[in-house]
C-alpha cells in the first residue's frame, strides 16, 4: 500500500506517519520508486501501537522508543519477551528499580506465594512502599499482605493470559501496557466501590 492507503488503514495522518518515519519509530517501506515506498501490515501494526501507547496511556515518544527497542527479537525468544515485559512495566508504571533495598517482608511474601523471583523494579517498589508505610506507623500484618498478594496473583494471571494470545508483538505490547495502566486503574476503582458498599452495609441507616 502507498502512504495515503497506510494513513487510511491506520487512521493516522500522512504527516504523522512521515514524522514517525523520520524519527525511526516506524521502519521505512519497501522502495518502489525514488520518491515512493510500499507499506504493509507490519507498518499498520506499528502505527496502531504508537497511537495506542500515546492516546491510551499518555506515553511520550522516547518512552515509546524504549519499548519498541526492547521488542526486537521478542516474537521468537521467550527470554527476550520476558525482558520486553519488564521494560513495558518499567515505562508504564515508572518502576525504575533505583535504590533497590533489601526487604525481609518482600522476601517472606515471595516465599509464601511461591513466586518466581529476581530483582526488578516491581519488587523494589513493593519494598519501598512497605518501608514508607512502616515509617508512617502503618504496619501491614503478613496475613493481610498475603491476602492482597493472592488477589494480585489472580489478576496478574488473568492479564497475562489475555496478553499471551495476541497474534503480533505489537498487539502483545499494547495489551500488556493497557493491562498495566487502564486495568490497574480499574482495579483501584473496584476496590473503592467495594469499600463504599461495605461501608454502606456497616454504617448505613438500618
N, C-alpha and C. Protein backbone atom coordinates (compact mmCIF):
# COMPACT_ATOMS: atom_id res chain seq x y z
N UNK A 1 0.84 -1.19 0.00
CA UNK A 1 0.00 0.00 0.00
C UNK A 1 0.88 1.25 0.00
N UNK A 2 0.35 2.32 -0.54
CA UNK A 2 1.05 3.60 -0.59
C UNK A 2 0.82 4.36 0.72
N UNK A 3 1.47 5.51 0.86
CA UNK A 3 1.39 6.28 2.09
C UNK A 3 -0.06 6.67 2.42
N UNK A 4 -0.78 7.12 1.40
CA UNK A 4 -2.17 7.51 1.63
C UNK A 4 -3.02 6.34 2.09
N UNK A 5 -2.78 5.17 1.53
CA UNK A 5 -3.52 3.97 1.93
C UNK A 5 -3.13 3.54 3.35
N UNK A 6 -1.86 3.71 3.68
CA UNK A 6 -1.41 3.40 5.04
C UNK A 6 -2.08 4.33 6.04
N UNK A 7 -2.20 5.59 5.68
CA UNK A 7 -2.88 6.55 6.53
C UNK A 7 -4.33 6.15 6.75
N UNK A 8 -4.99 5.75 5.67
CA UNK A 8 -6.39 5.34 5.77
C UNK A 8 -6.53 4.06 6.59
N UNK A 9 -5.64 3.10 6.40
CA UNK A 9 -5.74 1.82 7.10
C UNK A 9 -5.45 1.96 8.59
N UNK A 10 -4.57 2.90 8.94
CA UNK A 10 -4.17 3.05 10.34
C UNK A 10 -4.96 4.11 11.08
N UNK A 11 -5.60 5.01 10.33
CA UNK A 11 -6.32 6.11 10.95
C UNK A 11 -5.40 7.22 11.43
N UNK A 12 -4.17 7.24 10.95
CA UNK A 12 -3.17 8.24 11.35
C UNK A 12 -2.81 9.09 10.14
N UNK A 13 -2.69 10.38 10.35
CA UNK A 13 -2.45 11.29 9.23
C UNK A 13 -1.12 11.00 8.55
N UNK A 14 -1.06 11.35 7.27
CA UNK A 14 0.17 11.16 6.50
C UNK A 14 1.31 11.97 7.10
N UNK A 15 1.01 13.16 7.62
CA UNK A 15 2.05 14.00 8.23
C UNK A 15 2.64 13.31 9.45
N UNK A 16 1.80 12.70 10.27
CA UNK A 16 2.29 11.99 11.45
C UNK A 16 3.11 10.77 11.06
N UNK A 17 2.67 10.07 10.03
CA UNK A 17 3.41 8.90 9.56
C UNK A 17 4.80 9.31 9.09
N UNK A 18 4.88 10.40 8.35
CA UNK A 18 6.18 10.89 7.89
C UNK A 18 7.08 11.25 9.08
N UNK A 19 6.48 11.83 10.11
CA UNK A 19 7.25 12.17 11.30
C UNK A 19 7.80 10.91 11.97
N UNK A 20 6.96 9.88 12.09
CA UNK A 20 7.41 8.62 12.71
C UNK A 20 8.49 7.95 11.86
N UNK A 21 8.40 8.09 10.55
CA UNK A 21 9.44 7.55 9.68
C UNK A 21 10.76 8.28 9.90
N UNK A 22 10.70 9.61 9.98
CA UNK A 22 11.92 10.40 10.18
C UNK A 22 12.55 10.13 11.55
N UNK A 23 11.71 9.90 12.56
CA UNK A 23 12.21 9.70 13.92
C UNK A 23 12.69 8.28 14.17
N UNK A 24 12.41 7.38 13.22
CA UNK A 24 12.85 6.00 13.36
C UNK A 24 11.91 5.12 14.15
N UNK A 25 10.78 5.65 14.58
CA UNK A 25 9.80 4.81 15.29
C UNK A 25 9.08 3.87 14.34
N UNK A 26 9.03 4.24 13.08
CA UNK A 26 8.41 3.41 12.05
C UNK A 26 9.46 3.11 10.99
N UNK A 27 9.65 1.83 10.71
CA UNK A 27 10.66 1.47 9.72
C UNK A 27 10.22 1.89 8.32
N UNK A 28 11.19 2.16 7.47
CA UNK A 28 10.90 2.60 6.11
C UNK A 28 10.18 1.51 5.33
N UNK A 29 9.38 1.94 4.37
CA UNK A 29 8.70 0.99 3.50
C UNK A 29 9.66 0.45 2.45
N UNK A 30 9.17 -0.46 1.64
CA UNK A 30 9.98 -1.04 0.56
C UNK A 30 9.97 -0.08 -0.62
N UNK A 31 11.15 0.34 -1.04
CA UNK A 31 11.25 1.33 -2.12
C UNK A 31 10.75 0.74 -3.43
N UNK A 32 9.84 1.45 -4.08
CA UNK A 32 9.36 1.04 -5.40
C UNK A 32 9.67 2.13 -6.43
N UNK A 33 10.20 3.27 -5.95
CA UNK A 33 10.50 4.41 -6.80
C UNK A 33 11.32 5.35 -5.92
N UNK A 34 12.17 6.17 -6.49
CA UNK A 34 12.98 7.08 -5.67
C UNK A 34 12.17 7.92 -4.69
N UNK A 35 10.92 8.19 -5.00
CA UNK A 35 10.11 9.02 -4.11
C UNK A 35 8.88 8.29 -3.57
N UNK A 36 8.84 6.98 -3.79
CA UNK A 36 7.67 6.22 -3.32
C UNK A 36 8.11 4.93 -2.64
N UNK A 37 7.28 4.50 -1.69
CA UNK A 37 7.56 3.25 -0.98
C UNK A 37 6.26 2.50 -0.77
N UNK A 38 6.39 1.20 -0.60
CA UNK A 38 5.22 0.36 -0.33
C UNK A 38 5.24 -0.06 1.14
N UNK A 39 4.07 -0.04 1.74
CA UNK A 39 3.95 -0.37 3.16
C UNK A 39 3.03 -1.58 3.33
N UNK A 40 3.19 -2.27 4.46
CA UNK A 40 2.42 -3.48 4.69
C UNK A 40 1.78 -3.51 6.07
N UNK A 41 1.27 -4.69 6.43
CA UNK A 41 0.56 -4.85 7.69
C UNK A 41 1.46 -4.56 8.89
N UNK A 42 2.77 -4.81 8.75
CA UNK A 42 3.67 -4.53 9.89
C UNK A 42 3.70 -3.05 10.21
N UNK A 43 3.56 -2.21 9.17
CA UNK A 43 3.53 -0.77 9.39
C UNK A 43 2.22 -0.34 10.05
N UNK A 44 1.12 -0.97 9.64
CA UNK A 44 -0.17 -0.68 10.26
C UNK A 44 -0.12 -1.03 11.75
N UNK A 45 0.42 -2.21 12.04
CA UNK A 45 0.50 -2.65 13.45
C UNK A 45 1.37 -1.73 14.28
N UNK A 46 2.50 -1.31 13.72
CA UNK A 46 3.39 -0.42 14.46
C UNK A 46 2.72 0.93 14.72
N UNK A 47 2.02 1.45 13.73
CA UNK A 47 1.35 2.73 13.90
C UNK A 47 0.25 2.63 14.94
N UNK A 48 -0.49 1.53 14.94
CA UNK A 48 -1.54 1.35 15.94
C UNK A 48 -0.94 1.23 17.34
N UNK A 49 0.23 0.60 17.43
CA UNK A 49 0.92 0.50 18.72
C UNK A 49 1.32 1.89 19.21
N UNK A 50 1.97 2.66 18.35
CA UNK A 50 2.40 4.01 18.73
C UNK A 50 1.21 4.85 19.17
N UNK A 51 0.15 4.81 18.37
CA UNK A 51 -1.03 5.61 18.68
C UNK A 51 -1.67 5.15 19.98
N UNK A 52 -1.72 3.83 20.20
CA UNK A 52 -2.32 3.31 21.42
C UNK A 52 -1.53 3.70 22.65
N UNK A 53 -0.22 3.61 22.57
CA UNK A 53 0.62 3.98 23.71
C UNK A 53 0.53 5.48 24.01
N UNK A 54 0.36 6.28 22.97
CA UNK A 54 0.24 7.72 23.18
C UNK A 54 -1.14 8.10 23.70
N UNK A 55 -2.19 7.59 23.04
CA UNK A 55 -3.55 8.02 23.36
C UNK A 55 -4.11 7.37 24.62
N UNK A 56 -3.89 6.07 24.77
CA UNK A 56 -4.50 5.35 25.90
C UNK A 56 -3.71 5.49 27.19
N UNK A 57 -2.37 5.64 27.07
CA UNK A 57 -1.53 5.63 28.26
C UNK A 57 -0.82 6.95 28.47
N UNK A 58 -0.68 7.73 27.39
CA UNK A 58 -0.07 9.04 27.51
C UNK A 58 1.44 9.03 27.48
N UNK A 59 2.04 8.01 26.86
CA UNK A 59 3.49 7.93 26.81
C UNK A 59 4.05 8.92 25.79
N UNK A 60 5.25 9.43 26.09
CA UNK A 60 5.96 10.27 25.15
C UNK A 60 6.74 9.43 24.16
N UNK A 61 7.29 10.08 23.16
CA UNK A 61 7.95 9.35 22.08
C UNK A 61 9.19 8.60 22.55
N UNK A 62 9.95 9.16 23.49
CA UNK A 62 11.15 8.46 23.94
C UNK A 62 10.81 7.21 24.74
N UNK A 63 9.74 7.27 25.53
CA UNK A 63 9.30 6.07 26.24
C UNK A 63 8.81 5.01 25.25
N UNK A 64 8.10 5.45 24.22
CA UNK A 64 7.65 4.51 23.19
C UNK A 64 8.86 3.89 22.49
N UNK A 65 9.88 4.70 22.23
CA UNK A 65 11.09 4.19 21.60
C UNK A 65 11.75 3.12 22.47
N UNK A 66 11.79 3.32 23.78
CA UNK A 66 12.36 2.32 24.68
C UNK A 66 11.65 0.99 24.54
N UNK A 67 10.32 1.04 24.49
CA UNK A 67 9.54 -0.18 24.37
C UNK A 67 9.78 -0.84 23.03
N UNK A 68 9.77 -0.06 21.96
CA UNK A 68 9.97 -0.61 20.62
C UNK A 68 11.36 -1.23 20.50
N UNK A 69 12.36 -0.55 21.04
CA UNK A 69 13.72 -1.10 21.01
C UNK A 69 13.79 -2.43 21.76
N UNK A 70 13.07 -2.53 22.87
CA UNK A 70 13.09 -3.76 23.67
C UNK A 70 12.33 -4.89 23.00
N UNK A 71 11.52 -4.58 21.98
CA UNK A 71 10.71 -5.62 21.33
C UNK A 71 11.49 -6.42 20.30
N UNK A 72 12.70 -5.99 19.96
CA UNK A 72 13.49 -6.70 18.95
C UNK A 72 13.73 -8.14 19.39
N UNK A 73 13.30 -9.08 18.56
CA UNK A 73 13.51 -10.49 18.83
C UNK A 73 12.51 -11.11 19.79
N UNK A 74 11.58 -10.31 20.36
CA UNK A 74 10.66 -10.84 21.36
C UNK A 74 9.59 -11.75 20.77
N UNK A 75 9.42 -11.72 19.44
CA UNK A 75 8.44 -12.61 18.82
C UNK A 75 8.98 -14.03 18.67
N UNK A 76 10.29 -14.21 18.86
CA UNK A 76 10.88 -15.54 18.67
C UNK A 76 11.60 -16.05 19.91
N UNK A 77 11.81 -15.22 20.90
CA UNK A 77 12.59 -15.59 22.08
C UNK A 77 11.81 -15.34 23.36
N UNK A 78 11.60 -16.40 24.16
CA UNK A 78 10.89 -16.24 25.43
C UNK A 78 11.68 -15.35 26.38
N UNK A 79 13.00 -15.47 26.35
CA UNK A 79 13.84 -14.65 27.23
C UNK A 79 13.71 -13.18 26.86
N UNK A 80 13.68 -12.89 25.56
CA UNK A 80 13.55 -11.51 25.12
C UNK A 80 12.15 -10.98 25.42
N UNK A 81 11.15 -11.85 25.37
CA UNK A 81 9.79 -11.44 25.69
C UNK A 81 9.67 -11.07 27.17
N UNK A 82 10.35 -11.83 28.02
CA UNK A 82 10.37 -11.51 29.45
C UNK A 82 11.01 -10.15 29.67
N UNK A 83 12.12 -9.89 28.98
CA UNK A 83 12.80 -8.59 29.10
C UNK A 83 11.90 -7.47 28.57
N UNK A 84 11.15 -7.76 27.51
CA UNK A 84 10.23 -6.77 26.95
C UNK A 84 9.16 -6.40 27.97
N UNK A 85 8.58 -7.41 28.62
CA UNK A 85 7.54 -7.15 29.62
C UNK A 85 8.10 -6.32 30.78
N UNK A 86 9.35 -6.60 31.16
CA UNK A 86 9.98 -5.82 32.23
C UNK A 86 10.13 -4.36 31.81
N UNK A 87 10.47 -4.14 30.54
CA UNK A 87 10.61 -2.77 30.04
C UNK A 87 9.26 -2.07 30.00
N UNK A 88 8.24 -2.78 29.51
CA UNK A 88 6.89 -2.19 29.47
C UNK A 88 6.45 -1.80 30.87
N UNK A 89 6.67 -2.69 31.84
CA UNK A 89 6.30 -2.40 33.22
C UNK A 89 7.07 -1.19 33.75
N UNK A 90 8.36 -1.14 33.48
CA UNK A 90 9.18 -0.04 33.93
C UNK A 90 8.70 1.29 33.36
N UNK A 91 8.38 1.29 32.07
CA UNK A 91 7.96 2.53 31.41
C UNK A 91 6.56 2.93 31.84
N UNK A 92 5.62 2.00 31.78
CA UNK A 92 4.21 2.32 32.03
C UNK A 92 3.96 2.67 33.49
N UNK A 93 4.57 1.92 34.41
CA UNK A 93 4.32 2.13 35.84
C UNK A 93 5.39 2.98 36.51
N UNK A 94 6.47 3.29 35.78
CA UNK A 94 7.52 4.12 36.34
C UNK A 94 8.39 3.41 37.35
N UNK A 95 8.45 2.08 37.26
CA UNK A 95 9.27 1.29 38.18
C UNK A 95 10.68 1.18 37.62
N UNK A 96 11.57 2.03 38.07
CA UNK A 96 12.92 2.08 37.54
C UNK A 96 13.87 1.15 38.27
N UNK A 97 13.54 0.78 39.50
CA UNK A 97 14.44 -0.09 40.27
C UNK A 97 15.60 0.65 40.88
N UNK A 98 15.52 1.98 40.90
CA UNK A 98 16.59 2.76 41.54
C UNK A 98 16.51 2.60 43.06
N UNK A 99 17.65 2.58 43.68
CA UNK A 99 17.67 2.50 45.14
C UNK A 99 17.08 1.21 45.67
N UNK A 100 17.33 0.10 44.98
CA UNK A 100 16.80 -1.18 45.43
C UNK A 100 17.31 -1.48 46.82
N UNK A 101 16.41 -1.81 47.72
CA UNK A 101 16.80 -2.11 49.08
C UNK A 101 16.34 -3.52 49.45
N UNK A 102 17.05 -4.13 50.38
CA UNK A 102 16.65 -5.44 50.88
C UNK A 102 15.37 -5.29 51.69
N UNK A 103 14.45 -6.23 51.54
CA UNK A 103 13.21 -6.18 52.29
C UNK A 103 12.85 -7.59 52.75
N UNK A 104 12.95 -7.80 54.06
CA UNK A 104 12.61 -9.11 54.61
C UNK A 104 11.13 -9.42 54.37
N UNK A 105 10.28 -8.38 54.42
CA UNK A 105 8.85 -8.59 54.21
C UNK A 105 8.57 -9.09 52.80
N UNK A 106 9.25 -8.50 51.82
CA UNK A 106 9.07 -8.93 50.44
C UNK A 106 9.64 -10.34 50.24
N UNK A 107 10.80 -10.60 50.84
CA UNK A 107 11.38 -11.94 50.77
C UNK A 107 10.40 -12.98 51.29
N UNK A 108 9.80 -12.69 52.44
CA UNK A 108 8.85 -13.63 53.05
C UNK A 108 7.61 -13.79 52.18
N UNK A 109 7.13 -12.68 51.63
CA UNK A 109 5.92 -12.72 50.80
C UNK A 109 6.16 -13.56 49.55
N UNK A 110 7.29 -13.34 48.90
CA UNK A 110 7.62 -14.09 47.69
C UNK A 110 7.68 -15.59 48.00
N UNK A 111 8.25 -15.91 49.14
CA UNK A 111 8.36 -17.32 49.53
C UNK A 111 6.99 -17.92 49.82
N UNK A 112 6.15 -17.19 50.55
CA UNK A 112 4.81 -17.67 50.87
C UNK A 112 3.98 -17.89 49.61
N UNK A 113 4.12 -16.98 48.66
CA UNK A 113 3.34 -17.05 47.43
C UNK A 113 3.92 -18.05 46.43
N UNK A 114 5.17 -18.45 46.63
CA UNK A 114 5.80 -19.35 45.68
C UNK A 114 6.07 -18.69 44.34
N UNK A 115 6.29 -17.37 44.37
CA UNK A 115 6.53 -16.64 43.13
C UNK A 115 7.96 -16.83 42.63
N UNK A 116 8.10 -16.93 41.32
CA UNK A 116 9.44 -16.86 40.72
C UNK A 116 9.99 -15.48 41.04
N UNK A 117 11.29 -15.39 41.30
CA UNK A 117 11.79 -14.14 41.85
C UNK A 117 13.14 -13.76 41.27
N UNK A 118 13.27 -12.47 41.01
CA UNK A 118 14.56 -11.87 40.69
C UNK A 118 14.41 -10.37 40.93
N UNK A 119 15.52 -9.68 41.00
CA UNK A 119 15.45 -8.23 41.23
C UNK A 119 14.69 -7.57 40.09
N UNK A 120 13.81 -6.66 40.46
CA UNK A 120 13.03 -5.95 39.44
C UNK A 120 12.54 -4.64 40.03
N UNK A 121 12.08 -3.78 39.16
CA UNK A 121 11.52 -2.52 39.61
C UNK A 121 10.29 -2.74 40.47
N UNK A 122 9.47 -3.73 40.10
CA UNK A 122 8.25 -4.02 40.86
C UNK A 122 8.58 -4.52 42.26
N UNK A 123 9.58 -5.40 42.35
CA UNK A 123 9.98 -5.92 43.65
C UNK A 123 10.48 -4.78 44.54
N UNK A 124 11.29 -3.91 43.97
CA UNK A 124 11.80 -2.76 44.72
C UNK A 124 10.67 -1.84 45.15
N UNK A 125 9.69 -1.65 44.26
CA UNK A 125 8.57 -0.75 44.57
C UNK A 125 7.76 -1.26 45.76
N UNK A 126 7.55 -2.57 45.83
CA UNK A 126 6.81 -3.13 46.96
C UNK A 126 7.59 -2.91 48.26
N UNK A 127 8.89 -3.20 48.22
CA UNK A 127 9.72 -2.99 49.40
C UNK A 127 9.74 -1.54 49.86
N UNK A 128 9.85 -0.64 48.90
CA UNK A 128 9.90 0.79 49.23
C UNK A 128 8.56 1.26 49.80
N UNK A 129 7.47 0.75 49.24
CA UNK A 129 6.15 1.17 49.72
C UNK A 129 5.90 0.65 51.14
N UNK A 130 6.30 -0.59 51.39
CA UNK A 130 6.15 -1.12 52.75
C UNK A 130 6.99 -0.33 53.75
N UNK A 131 8.18 0.11 53.32
CA UNK A 131 9.03 0.91 54.19
C UNK A 131 8.38 2.26 54.50
N UNK A 132 7.74 2.87 53.49
CA UNK A 132 7.04 4.14 53.69
C UNK A 132 5.89 3.95 54.68
N UNK A 133 5.14 2.85 54.51
CA UNK A 133 4.03 2.56 55.41
C UNK A 133 4.52 2.38 56.85
N UNK A 134 5.61 1.65 56.99
CA UNK A 134 6.15 1.40 58.33
C UNK A 134 6.62 2.70 58.98
N UNK A 135 7.26 3.57 58.20
CA UNK A 135 7.72 4.86 58.72
C UNK A 135 6.56 5.73 59.16
N UNK A 136 5.40 5.52 58.52
CA UNK A 136 4.21 6.29 58.89
C UNK A 136 3.44 5.63 60.03
N UNK A 137 3.97 4.54 60.55
CA UNK A 137 3.31 3.85 61.64
C UNK A 137 2.23 2.89 61.21
N UNK A 138 2.18 2.59 59.91
CA UNK A 138 1.18 1.66 59.38
C UNK A 138 1.89 0.34 59.09
N UNK A 139 1.75 -0.59 60.00
CA UNK A 139 2.41 -1.88 59.86
C UNK A 139 1.41 -2.88 59.28
N UNK A 140 1.77 -3.49 58.17
CA UNK A 140 0.88 -4.43 57.50
C UNK A 140 1.10 -5.83 58.04
N UNK A 141 0.02 -6.41 58.53
CA UNK A 141 0.08 -7.79 59.02
C UNK A 141 0.44 -8.72 57.87
N UNK A 142 1.39 -9.64 58.07
CA UNK A 142 1.78 -10.56 56.97
C UNK A 142 0.61 -11.33 56.39
N UNK A 143 -0.37 -11.70 57.23
CA UNK A 143 -1.53 -12.43 56.73
C UNK A 143 -2.38 -11.55 55.81
N UNK A 144 -2.51 -10.25 56.17
CA UNK A 144 -3.25 -9.32 55.33
C UNK A 144 -2.51 -9.09 54.02
N UNK A 145 -1.20 -8.91 54.11
CA UNK A 145 -0.38 -8.72 52.91
C UNK A 145 -0.50 -9.92 51.98
N UNK A 146 -0.51 -11.13 52.55
CA UNK A 146 -0.64 -12.34 51.74
C UNK A 146 -2.01 -12.40 51.07
N UNK A 147 -3.05 -11.93 51.74
CA UNK A 147 -4.38 -11.94 51.12
C UNK A 147 -4.43 -10.97 49.95
N UNK A 148 -3.78 -9.81 50.09
CA UNK A 148 -3.68 -8.87 48.97
C UNK A 148 -2.89 -9.52 47.82
N UNK A 149 -1.83 -10.20 48.18
CA UNK A 149 -0.97 -10.82 47.17
C UNK A 149 -1.73 -11.90 46.40
N UNK A 150 -2.57 -12.66 47.08
CA UNK A 150 -3.34 -13.70 46.38
C UNK A 150 -4.29 -13.09 45.36
N UNK A 151 -4.93 -11.97 45.74
CA UNK A 151 -5.80 -11.28 44.79
C UNK A 151 -4.99 -10.75 43.61
N UNK A 152 -3.82 -10.16 43.91
CA UNK A 152 -2.96 -9.64 42.85
C UNK A 152 -2.47 -10.75 41.94
N UNK A 153 -2.19 -11.91 42.52
CA UNK A 153 -1.72 -13.05 41.74
C UNK A 153 -2.77 -13.49 40.72
N UNK A 154 -4.02 -13.55 41.15
CA UNK A 154 -5.10 -13.95 40.24
C UNK A 154 -5.28 -12.92 39.13
N UNK A 155 -5.18 -11.65 39.49
CA UNK A 155 -5.33 -10.58 38.48
C UNK A 155 -4.20 -10.65 37.46
N UNK A 156 -2.96 -10.81 37.96
CA UNK A 156 -1.81 -10.88 37.06
C UNK A 156 -1.91 -12.06 36.11
N UNK A 157 -2.35 -13.19 36.63
CA UNK A 157 -2.51 -14.38 35.78
C UNK A 157 -3.55 -14.15 34.70
N UNK A 158 -4.65 -13.51 35.06
CA UNK A 158 -5.71 -13.23 34.08
C UNK A 158 -5.22 -12.26 33.01
N UNK A 159 -4.48 -11.23 33.42
CA UNK A 159 -3.98 -10.25 32.46
C UNK A 159 -2.98 -10.89 31.49
N UNK A 160 -2.08 -11.70 32.01
CA UNK A 160 -1.09 -12.33 31.14
C UNK A 160 -1.71 -13.35 30.20
N UNK A 161 -2.77 -14.01 30.64
CA UNK A 161 -3.46 -14.97 29.78
C UNK A 161 -4.03 -14.27 28.55
N UNK A 162 -4.54 -13.06 28.75
CA UNK A 162 -5.07 -12.29 27.62
C UNK A 162 -3.93 -11.77 26.75
N UNK A 163 -2.88 -11.30 27.38
CA UNK A 163 -1.73 -10.74 26.65
C UNK A 163 -1.07 -11.78 25.77
N UNK A 164 -0.92 -12.99 26.29
CA UNK A 164 -0.11 -14.01 25.62
C UNK A 164 -0.74 -14.58 24.35
N UNK A 165 -2.03 -14.35 24.13
CA UNK A 165 -2.68 -14.92 22.94
C UNK A 165 -2.73 -13.93 21.77
N UNK A 166 -2.12 -12.77 21.94
CA UNK A 166 -2.13 -11.79 20.85
C UNK A 166 -1.27 -12.27 19.68
N UNK A 167 -1.72 -11.99 18.47
CA UNK A 167 -1.08 -12.56 17.27
C UNK A 167 0.24 -11.89 16.92
N UNK A 168 0.37 -10.60 17.18
CA UNK A 168 1.60 -9.89 16.80
C UNK A 168 2.26 -9.33 18.04
N UNK A 169 3.54 -9.03 17.93
CA UNK A 169 4.26 -8.48 19.07
C UNK A 169 3.75 -7.09 19.42
N UNK A 170 3.26 -6.35 18.42
CA UNK A 170 2.69 -5.03 18.69
C UNK A 170 1.42 -5.14 19.52
N UNK A 171 0.56 -6.11 19.18
CA UNK A 171 -0.66 -6.32 19.96
C UNK A 171 -0.32 -6.83 21.36
N UNK A 172 0.71 -7.66 21.46
CA UNK A 172 1.19 -8.16 22.75
C UNK A 172 1.60 -6.99 23.65
N UNK A 173 2.39 -6.07 23.09
CA UNK A 173 2.86 -4.92 23.87
C UNK A 173 1.68 -4.05 24.31
N UNK A 174 0.79 -3.74 23.38
CA UNK A 174 -0.31 -2.84 23.69
C UNK A 174 -1.25 -3.45 24.72
N UNK A 175 -1.53 -4.74 24.60
CA UNK A 175 -2.40 -5.41 25.57
C UNK A 175 -1.76 -5.42 26.94
N UNK A 176 -0.45 -5.70 27.01
CA UNK A 176 0.26 -5.69 28.29
C UNK A 176 0.26 -4.30 28.90
N UNK A 177 0.54 -3.29 28.08
CA UNK A 177 0.61 -1.91 28.58
C UNK A 177 -0.74 -1.43 29.08
N UNK A 178 -1.80 -1.74 28.33
CA UNK A 178 -3.14 -1.34 28.75
C UNK A 178 -3.53 -2.08 30.03
N UNK A 179 -3.16 -3.36 30.12
CA UNK A 179 -3.43 -4.11 31.34
C UNK A 179 -2.75 -3.50 32.54
N UNK A 180 -1.51 -3.05 32.36
CA UNK A 180 -0.78 -2.45 33.47
C UNK A 180 -1.31 -1.07 33.84
N UNK A 181 -1.83 -0.36 32.88
CA UNK A 181 -2.25 1.02 33.13
C UNK A 181 -3.75 1.13 33.38
N UNK A 182 -4.56 0.90 32.37
CA UNK A 182 -6.00 1.11 32.50
C UNK A 182 -6.65 0.07 33.40
N UNK A 183 -6.26 -1.20 33.26
CA UNK A 183 -6.86 -2.23 34.10
C UNK A 183 -6.47 -2.04 35.56
N UNK A 184 -5.25 -1.62 35.83
CA UNK A 184 -4.85 -1.36 37.22
C UNK A 184 -5.65 -0.22 37.82
N UNK A 185 -5.94 0.80 37.01
CA UNK A 185 -6.79 1.88 37.49
C UNK A 185 -8.21 1.38 37.77
N UNK A 186 -8.68 0.46 36.90
CA UNK A 186 -9.99 -0.14 37.11
C UNK A 186 -10.02 -0.91 38.42
N UNK A 187 -8.95 -1.63 38.72
CA UNK A 187 -8.89 -2.41 39.96
C UNK A 187 -8.99 -1.49 41.17
N UNK A 188 -8.27 -0.36 41.14
CA UNK A 188 -8.35 0.60 42.24
C UNK A 188 -9.78 1.13 42.40
N UNK A 189 -10.44 1.40 41.27
CA UNK A 189 -11.82 1.89 41.32
C UNK A 189 -12.76 0.82 41.87
N UNK A 190 -12.52 -0.44 41.50
CA UNK A 190 -13.35 -1.53 42.01
C UNK A 190 -13.17 -1.71 43.51
N UNK A 191 -11.92 -1.58 43.99
CA UNK A 191 -11.68 -1.66 45.43
C UNK A 191 -12.42 -0.53 46.14
N UNK A 192 -12.37 0.68 45.58
CA UNK A 192 -13.08 1.81 46.19
C UNK A 192 -14.58 1.54 46.21
N UNK A 193 -15.12 0.97 45.14
CA UNK A 193 -16.55 0.65 45.09
C UNK A 193 -16.91 -0.40 46.13
N UNK A 194 -16.05 -1.41 46.27
CA UNK A 194 -16.30 -2.43 47.28
C UNK A 194 -16.24 -1.84 48.69
N UNK A 195 -15.28 -0.94 48.92
CA UNK A 195 -15.18 -0.29 50.23
C UNK A 195 -16.43 0.52 50.52
N UNK A 196 -16.92 1.23 49.49
CA UNK A 196 -18.15 2.03 49.67
C UNK A 196 -19.33 1.12 50.00
N UNK A 197 -19.42 -0.01 49.31
CA UNK A 197 -20.51 -0.95 49.55
C UNK A 197 -20.47 -1.51 50.96
N UNK A 198 -19.28 -1.92 51.39
CA UNK A 198 -19.14 -2.46 52.74
C UNK A 198 -19.43 -1.38 53.79
N UNK A 199 -19.03 -0.15 53.51
CA UNK A 199 -19.30 0.95 54.44
C UNK A 199 -20.79 1.20 54.58
N UNK A 200 -21.50 1.15 53.46
CA UNK A 200 -22.96 1.35 53.48
C UNK A 200 -23.62 0.27 54.33
N UNK A 201 -23.19 -0.98 54.12
CA UNK A 201 -23.77 -2.08 54.89
C UNK A 201 -23.47 -1.95 56.38
N UNK A 202 -22.25 -1.48 56.68
CA UNK A 202 -21.84 -1.42 58.08
C UNK A 202 -22.37 -0.20 58.81
N UNK A 203 -22.35 0.95 58.12
CA UNK A 203 -22.67 2.20 58.80
C UNK A 203 -23.94 2.89 58.30
N UNK A 204 -24.53 2.36 57.23
CA UNK A 204 -25.71 2.99 56.68
C UNK A 204 -26.92 2.85 57.58
N UNK A 205 -27.95 3.62 57.23
CA UNK A 205 -29.19 3.59 58.02
C UNK A 205 -29.80 2.20 57.97
N UNK A 206 -30.27 1.77 59.09
CA UNK A 206 -30.91 0.45 59.18
C UNK A 206 -32.41 0.61 59.34
